[in-house]
């Protein structure tokens, strides 16, 4: 579990460093995917499921929602 948290935190920090030249839609997609992946992994870990599966599903859902939200901001 600690390895998953460390990997997700590292990935989130590294991806946020590259957000300076992105459009609002791109930033929303990336942020949504990162938040969704972290939430999905956490929920899966709490419920006894696979953290990787939860992260993948959460990342896809979060990225989709972030893309829509970012598109509305433009």
C-alpha atoms as a PDB file:
ATOM      1  CA  UNK A   1       0.000   0.000   0.000  1.00  0.00           C
ATOM      2  CA  UNK A   2       2.834   2.357   0.833  1.00  0.00           C
ATOM      3  CA  UNK A   3       4.429   1.709  -2.560  1.00  0.00           C
ATOM      4  CA  UNK A   4       1.183   2.620  -4.340  1.00  0.00           C
ATOM      5  CA  UNK A   5       0.839   5.856  -2.386  1.00  0.00           C
ATOM      6  CA  UNK A   6       4.449   6.775  -3.058  1.00  0.00           C
ATOM      7  CA  UNK A   7       4.128   6.017  -6.780  1.00  0.00           C
ATOM      8  CA  UNK A   8       0.918   8.028  -7.113  1.00  0.00           C
ATOM      9  CA  UNK A   9       2.316  10.969  -5.189  1.00  0.00           C
ATOM     10  CA  UNK A  10       5.489  10.988  -7.261  1.00  0.00           C
ATOM     11  CA  UNK A  11       3.520  10.776 -10.507  1.00  0.00           C
ATOM     12  CA  UNK A  12       1.211  13.590  -9.433  1.00  0.00           C
ATOM     13  CA  UNK A  13       4.096  15.885  -8.493  1.00  0.00           C
ATOM     14  CA  UNK A  14       5.994  15.219 -11.721  1.00  0.00           C
ATOM     15  CA  UNK A  15       2.943  15.778 -13.917  1.00  0.00           C
ATOM     16  CA  UNK A  16       2.007  19.002 -12.161  1.00  0.00           C
ATOM     17  CA  UNK A  17       5.449  20.414 -12.932  1.00  0.00           C
ATOM     18  CA  UNK A  18       4.669  20.325 -16.652  1.00  0.00           C
ATOM     19  CA  UNK A  19       1.335  22.184 -16.435  1.00  0.00           C
ATOM     20  CA  UNK A  20       2.573  25.720 -17.058  1.00  0.00           C
ATOM     21  CA  UNK A  21       2.058  25.800 -20.836  1.00  0.00           C
ATOM     22  CA  UNK A  22      -1.187  23.826 -20.945  1.00  0.00           C
ATOM     23  CA  UNK A  23      -4.665  25.042 -21.814  1.00  0.00           C
ATOM     24  CA  UNK A  24      -7.397  24.979 -19.191  1.00  0.00           C
ATOM     25  CA  UNK A  25      -8.852  21.840 -20.787  1.00  0.00           C
ATOM     26  CA  UNK A  26      -5.514  20.025 -20.708  1.00  0.00           C
ATOM     27  CA  UNK A  27      -4.894  21.051 -17.100  1.00  0.00           C
ATOM     28  CA  UNK A  28      -8.381  19.899 -16.127  1.00  0.00           C
ATOM     29  CA  UNK A  29      -7.851  16.539 -17.787  1.00  0.00           C
ATOM     30  CA  UNK A  30      -4.502  15.958 -16.116  1.00  0.00           C
ATOM     31  CA  UNK A  31      -5.623  17.143 -12.698  1.00  0.00           C
ATOM     32  CA  UNK A  32      -8.839  15.158 -12.886  1.00  0.00           C
ATOM     33  CA  UNK A  33      -6.987  12.009 -13.874  1.00  0.00           C
ATOM     34  CA  UNK A  34      -4.459  12.383 -11.050  1.00  0.00           C
ATOM     35  CA  UNK A  35      -7.116  13.059  -8.426  1.00  0.00           C
ATOM     36  CA  UNK A  36      -9.327  10.281  -9.769  1.00  0.00           C
ATOM     37  CA  UNK A  37      -6.479   7.769  -9.766  1.00  0.00           C
ATOM     38  CA  UNK A  38      -5.566   8.604  -6.182  1.00  0.00           C
ATOM     39  CA  UNK A  39      -9.186   8.434  -5.048  1.00  0.00           C
ATOM     40  CA  UNK A  40      -9.795   5.200  -6.945  1.00  0.00           C
ATOM     41  CA  UNK A  41      -6.735   3.536  -5.453  1.00  0.00           C
ATOM     42  CA  UNK A  42      -7.716   4.676  -1.974  1.00  0.00           C
ATOM     43  CA  UNK A  43     -11.297   3.494  -2.275  1.00  0.00           C
ATOM     44  CA  UNK A  44     -10.193   0.158  -3.724  1.00  0.00           C
ATOM     45  CA  UNK A  45      -7.677  -0.335  -0.925  1.00  0.00           C
ATOM     46  CA  UNK A  46     -10.276   0.437   1.730  1.00  0.00           C
ATOM     47  CA  UNK A  47     -12.856  -1.874   0.190  1.00  0.00           C
ATOM     48  CA  UNK A  48     -10.362  -4.714  -0.236  1.00  0.00           C
ATOM     49  CA  UNK A  49     -10.076  -4.518  -4.030  1.00  0.00           C
ATOM     50  CA  UNK A  50      -7.086  -4.082  -6.288  1.00  0.00           C
ATOM     51  CA  UNK A  51      -5.456  -0.680  -5.899  1.00  0.00           C
ATOM     52  CA  UNK A  52      -4.195  -0.733  -9.490  1.00  0.00           C
ATOM     53  CA  UNK A  53      -7.656  -1.446 -10.886  1.00  0.00           C
ATOM     54  CA  UNK A  54      -9.157   1.295  -8.730  1.00  0.00           C
ATOM     55  CA  UNK A  55      -6.474   3.732  -9.860  1.00  0.00           C
ATOM     56  CA  UNK A  56      -7.060   2.907 -13.523  1.00  0.00           C
ATOM     57  CA  UNK A  57     -10.822   3.297 -13.308  1.00  0.00           C
ATOM     58  CA  UNK A  58     -10.542   6.435 -11.170  1.00  0.00           C
ATOM     59  CA  UNK A  59      -8.012   7.923 -13.572  1.00  0.00           C
ATOM     60  CA  UNK A  60     -10.262   7.410 -16.580  1.00  0.00           C
ATOM     61  CA  UNK A  61     -13.348   8.800 -14.853  1.00  0.00           C
ATOM     62  CA  UNK A  62     -11.442  11.700 -13.303  1.00  0.00           C
ATOM     63  CA  UNK A  63      -9.755  12.556 -16.595  1.00  0.00           C
ATOM     64  CA  UNK A  64     -13.084  12.593 -18.405  1.00  0.00           C
ATOM     65  CA  UNK A  65     -14.720  14.832 -15.813  1.00  0.00           C
ATOM     66  CA  UNK A  66     -11.663  17.119 -15.703  1.00  0.00           C
ATOM     67  CA  UNK A  67     -11.686  17.393 -19.505  1.00  0.00           C
ATOM     68  CA  UNK A  68     -15.322  18.451 -19.540  1.00  0.00           C
ATOM     69  CA  UNK A  69     -14.795  20.941 -16.715  1.00  0.00           C
ATOM     70  CA  UNK A  70     -11.689  22.390 -18.383  1.00  0.00           C
ATOM     71  CA  UNK A  71     -13.520  22.748 -21.699  1.00  0.00           C
ATOM     72  CA  UNK A  72     -16.276  24.732 -19.979  1.00  0.00           C
ATOM     73  CA  UNK A  73     -13.685  27.118 -18.499  1.00  0.00           C
ATOM     74  CA  UNK A  74     -12.255  28.065 -21.895  1.00  0.00           C
END
